[in-house]
Structure formats: structure tokens, C-alpha cells
């Protein structure tokens, strides 16, 4: 049975501006001014342990990560999911396809974000990068999701918005669709995406899902 594998941040909701703002505050408190371009190039999609370990090697990366994510949850509030998300999940449910969330976000954040967009009940399988052998860009999170669903990579489609997420899905052998929420078509394809869409209302999605339905393009 086919499966749809979803990233969360930047894929199911446009959360990157909030993440960027909080990282800007953390860096500014330590005398470093960064902008959204720096965030996209050096932070977007990476695990906190790697980010803080690189830029603040003399501080406790775990403590910084906990503080950053607690701030994110406090400011999250109610959000709208990426356009077309609910319709796509309904389509997958009617077809009997597997659905999984594959994220580098901490589990507390994953549940908070799903709650913020009203989709907590839609994801029974949630794979968190820090709970795997390694997080994205390593393929371990996507391999764990497919194992949990009992599906093969050839029968799966992944939706990702970051370079590390695209790399993770492609390394696991999954057909990967890039969401152009923060990166361009060319940037996502350079990272390894097979194709890209603007959001889940994109007309290209029918052709992509035809891979799972046995339809011809």
C-alpha cells in the first residue's frame, strides 16, 4: 500500500519566520546579528545540536535547544496548515494510503504544531529525528517511517521544504517533492528533490500522486 511521508516545519505549516526570529534573538544576545538569508543558508532544516554546537561551542547545546524550543511553543499560537493539506490527507485516507510525519523537530514541538493547525488526530505515525540513529539529512528518519508503516520506498512519496530534509528522503530512496515555502525550485532540485510544488493545491500534485495510483503522467 502506498504512503505519504510529510515533513512538518515549512511543509505542513509556514513556521520558518517564527524560527528565524527566535534564532535572531539568540544570536543577537551573543553579539551576532543574523538575517533571514543567514537563517536559510546555515540553520534551516538542521538539528539544534548541530547548530548550537557549531556557532556556540562553549555553551550547553542541549540547554540552548530546550530554551529555544520552549520559546517557539510559547509563541506558536493557532496556525493555518499549508493550503490543500486537509484535502490531501482526506484523499490519502479514502485511498487507504499510509501517512507518517517525519521531522527533526522535538516531539513536544511536533505535537504542539499539529495541535496549532488542528491535525493532531491525523498522524498516528510520528518519527522524530533525534529519536533515530541520526536525524536528517541522514536517511534514518525516513527509513524508520517506512518500516513503521510497512511500505517500500518505491511506493512512497515524501514532502520536504529544506535541503537536509530532501537529502534525507532521497538517501532513503523515496520520490521527493519539494515545497517552495522557503527555497526556490532550483535550490530544492539542487538538493535532490525530484520535483517541487508551491503548496498542496498545486495542479502538479495530481501527476505526482499518479505514481501511487498507477496512473500515467
Protein backbone atom coordinates (compact mmCIF):
# COMPACT_ATOMS: atom_id res chain seq x y z
CA UNK A 1 0.00 0.00 0.00
CA UNK A 2 1.40 3.44 -0.90
CA UNK A 3 2.37 6.04 1.70
CA UNK A 4 2.74 9.79 2.00
CA UNK A 5 5.58 10.96 4.24
CA UNK A 6 5.43 14.56 5.47
CA UNK A 7 7.96 16.88 6.97
CA UNK A 8 6.40 19.38 9.40
CA UNK A 9 8.13 22.77 9.74
CA UNK A 10 7.78 24.65 6.46
CA UNK A 11 5.84 21.79 4.88
CA UNK A 12 2.58 21.41 6.80
CA UNK A 13 2.75 24.94 8.19
CA UNK A 14 4.78 28.06 7.43
CA UNK A 15 6.71 28.22 10.69
CA UNK A 16 10.11 29.32 9.41
CA UNK A 17 9.60 33.08 10.03
CA UNK A 18 8.98 32.36 13.72
CA UNK A 19 12.01 30.06 13.97
CA UNK A 20 14.16 32.66 12.20
CA UNK A 21 13.02 35.41 14.59
CA UNK A 22 13.90 33.35 17.66
CA UNK A 23 17.32 32.39 16.29
CA UNK A 24 17.97 36.06 15.50
CA UNK A 25 17.24 36.90 19.13
CA UNK A 26 19.53 34.12 20.40
CA UNK A 27 22.39 35.26 18.17
CA UNK A 28 21.83 38.94 18.99
CA UNK A 29 22.03 38.20 22.72
CA UNK A 30 25.52 36.87 21.99
CA UNK A 31 26.64 39.82 19.90
CA UNK A 32 25.92 38.38 16.46
CA UNK A 33 23.44 39.93 14.05
CA UNK A 34 21.95 37.50 11.52
CA UNK A 35 19.23 37.92 8.91
CA UNK A 36 16.76 35.58 7.23
CA UNK A 37 19.26 34.81 4.45
CA UNK A 38 21.73 33.57 7.06
CA UNK A 39 18.99 31.53 8.69
CA UNK A 40 18.03 29.90 5.38
CA UNK A 41 21.64 29.13 4.43
CA UNK A 42 23.01 27.99 7.80
CA UNK A 43 20.15 26.97 10.13
CA UNK A 44 17.08 25.96 8.12
CA UNK A 45 16.30 22.24 8.44
CA UNK A 46 19.26 21.38 10.68
CA UNK A 47 19.18 19.79 14.12
CA UNK A 48 19.64 22.16 17.06
CA UNK A 49 22.56 20.17 18.44
CA UNK A 50 24.50 20.75 15.24
CA UNK A 51 23.53 24.42 15.01
CA UNK A 52 24.42 25.37 18.55
CA UNK A 53 27.47 23.13 18.57
CA UNK A 54 28.83 24.97 15.54
CA UNK A 55 28.05 28.56 16.46
CA UNK A 56 28.23 28.45 20.28
CA UNK A 57 30.69 25.62 21.05
CA UNK A 58 31.38 26.94 24.55
CA UNK A 59 27.74 26.72 25.65
CA UNK A 60 25.47 23.82 26.57
CA UNK A 61 23.79 22.95 23.26
CA UNK A 62 21.05 20.91 24.95
CA UNK A 63 20.12 23.80 27.25
CA UNK A 64 20.07 26.29 24.39
CA UNK A 65 17.92 23.93 22.35
CA UNK A 66 15.43 23.46 25.18
CA UNK A 67 15.16 27.23 25.71
CA UNK A 68 14.77 27.94 22.00
CA UNK A 69 12.04 25.34 21.51
CA UNK A 70 10.15 26.39 24.64
CA UNK A 71 10.09 29.94 23.26
CA UNK A 72 8.84 28.63 19.94
CA UNK A 73 5.99 26.73 21.58
CA UNK A 74 5.03 29.75 23.70
CA UNK A 75 4.74 31.96 20.61
CA UNK A 76 3.19 29.45 18.23
CA UNK A 77 -0.50 30.14 18.80
CA UNK A 78 -3.11 28.98 16.30
CA UNK A 79 -1.97 28.50 12.71
CA UNK A 80 -3.40 27.57 9.35
CA UNK A 81 -1.98 24.49 7.65
CA UNK A 82 -0.37 24.80 4.25
CA UNK A 83 -3.15 25.26 1.66
CA UNK A 84 -4.50 21.94 0.44
CA UNK A 85 -3.18 19.91 3.39
CA UNK A 86 -6.54 18.72 4.70
CA UNK A 87 -7.80 17.78 1.23
CA UNK A 88 -4.64 15.78 0.57
CA UNK A 89 -4.94 13.93 3.88
CA UNK A 90 -8.59 13.19 3.12
CA UNK A 91 -7.61 11.82 -0.28
CA UNK A 92 -4.99 9.57 1.27
CA UNK A 93 -7.46 8.33 3.88
CA UNK A 94 -10.07 7.46 1.25
CA UNK A 95 -7.45 5.59 -0.78
CA UNK A 96 -6.19 3.71 2.27
CA UNK A 97 -2.66 5.06 1.97
CA UNK A 98 -0.24 5.16 4.87
CA UNK A 99 0.57 8.55 6.37
CA UNK A 100 3.55 9.48 8.54
CA UNK A 101 5.16 12.60 9.92
CA UNK A 102 8.96 12.70 9.66
CA UNK A 103 10.51 15.65 11.45
CA UNK A 104 13.71 16.96 13.02
CA UNK A 105 11.58 18.93 15.48
CA UNK A 106 11.50 17.69 19.09
CA UNK A 107 8.45 15.56 19.86
CA UNK A 108 6.93 18.26 22.08
CA UNK A 109 7.16 20.72 19.18
CA UNK A 110 5.74 18.23 16.72
CA UNK A 111 2.62 17.76 18.85
CA UNK A 112 2.35 21.49 19.51
CA UNK A 113 2.50 22.31 15.80
CA UNK A 114 0.00 19.62 14.86
CA UNK A 115 -2.31 20.93 17.55
CA UNK A 116 -1.82 24.51 16.28
CA UNK A 117 -3.03 23.50 12.80
CA UNK A 118 -5.74 21.12 14.04
CA UNK A 119 -4.19 17.92 12.69
CA UNK A 120 -3.15 16.03 15.81
CA UNK A 121 -5.56 13.18 15.11
CA UNK A 122 -4.42 12.76 11.51
CA UNK A 123 -0.94 11.40 12.22
CA UNK A 124 -0.70 8.11 14.05
CA UNK A 125 2.93 7.63 12.99
CA UNK A 126 5.37 10.35 14.03
CA UNK A 127 9.10 9.86 13.56
CA UNK A 128 11.39 12.33 15.34
CA UNK A 129 14.94 12.72 14.08
CA UNK A 130 16.59 13.00 17.49
CA UNK A 131 14.99 9.67 18.48
CA UNK A 132 16.54 7.88 15.50
CA UNK A 133 20.09 6.69 14.93
CA UNK A 134 20.67 10.08 13.33
CA UNK A 135 18.39 12.90 12.23
CA UNK A 136 18.03 14.46 8.81
CA UNK A 137 19.96 14.70 6.46
CA UNK A 138 20.68 11.06 7.36
CA UNK A 139 18.11 8.66 5.84
CA UNK A 140 17.36 7.02 9.21
CA UNK A 141 14.15 9.01 9.94
CA UNK A 142 12.57 8.14 6.58
CA UNK A 143 13.65 4.53 6.84
CA UNK A 144 12.05 4.36 10.30
CA UNK A 145 8.80 5.84 8.97
CA UNK A 146 8.58 3.33 6.12
CA UNK A 147 9.36 0.47 8.48
CA UNK A 148 6.62 1.63 10.86
CA UNK A 149 4.10 1.78 8.00
CA UNK A 150 5.29 -1.43 6.37
CA UNK A 151 5.88 0.23 3.00
CA UNK A 152 8.69 0.22 0.46
CA UNK A 153 10.48 3.32 -0.78
CA UNK A 154 9.23 2.73 -4.33
CA UNK A 155 5.64 3.06 -3.06
CA UNK A 156 6.24 6.25 -1.07
CA UNK A 157 6.29 9.98 -1.72
CA UNK A 158 7.97 12.45 0.65
CA UNK A 159 7.16 16.14 1.01
CA UNK A 160 10.01 18.36 2.24
CA UNK A 161 10.99 22.03 2.28
CA UNK A 162 14.65 22.02 3.39
CA UNK A 163 17.94 20.85 1.93
CA UNK A 164 18.56 18.46 4.82
CA UNK A 165 15.06 17.02 4.58
CA UNK A 166 15.30 16.50 0.82
CA UNK A 167 18.68 14.83 1.28
CA UNK A 168 17.26 12.53 3.96
CA UNK A 169 14.30 11.38 1.88
CA UNK A 170 16.34 10.89 -1.29
CA UNK A 171 19.01 8.93 0.59
CA UNK A 172 16.21 6.63 1.78
CA UNK A 173 15.23 6.06 -1.85
CA UNK A 174 11.94 7.99 -1.69
CA UNK A 175 10.50 10.08 -4.51
CA UNK A 176 10.81 13.56 -3.02
CA UNK A 177 8.63 16.60 -3.62
CA UNK A 178 10.00 19.95 -2.51
CA UNK A 179 7.67 22.60 -1.03
CA UNK A 180 8.69 26.06 -2.17
CA UNK A 181 7.95 27.70 1.20
CA UNK A 182 11.49 28.97 1.82
CA UNK A 183 13.65 27.66 -1.02
CA UNK A 184 13.21 28.01 -4.77
CA UNK A 185 12.58 25.25 -7.29
CA UNK A 186 16.22 25.32 -8.37
CA UNK A 187 17.52 25.21 -4.80
CA UNK A 188 15.31 22.27 -3.88
CA UNK A 189 16.20 20.36 -7.03
CA UNK A 190 19.89 21.05 -6.45
CA UNK A 191 19.45 19.45 -3.02
CA UNK A 192 17.96 16.37 -4.70
CA UNK A 193 14.20 16.94 -4.98
CA UNK A 194 12.59 15.11 -7.89
CA UNK A 195 10.12 17.94 -8.42
CA UNK A 196 8.59 20.86 -6.49
CA UNK A 197 5.19 22.37 -5.75
CA UNK A 198 4.05 25.71 -4.37
CA UNK A 199 1.67 24.05 -1.88
CA UNK A 200 -0.81 21.17 -1.77
CA UNK A 201 -3.24 22.93 -4.11
CA UNK A 202 -0.64 22.89 -6.90
CA UNK A 203 -2.04 21.29 -10.06
CA UNK A 204 1.18 19.30 -10.41
CA UNK A 205 0.17 17.25 -7.37
CA UNK A 206 -2.27 15.07 -9.34
CA UNK A 207 0.52 13.98 -11.67
CA UNK A 208 2.79 13.26 -8.71
CA UNK A 209 0.17 11.18 -6.92
CA UNK A 210 -0.46 9.32 -10.13
CA UNK A 211 2.77 7.48 -9.31
CA UNK A 212 0.95 5.90 -6.39
CA UNK A 213 -2.32 5.32 -8.15
CA UNK A 214 -0.77 3.56 -11.12
CA UNK A 215 -1.78 6.38 -13.46
CA UNK A 216 0.35 7.59 -16.32
CA UNK A 217 1.65 11.12 -16.31
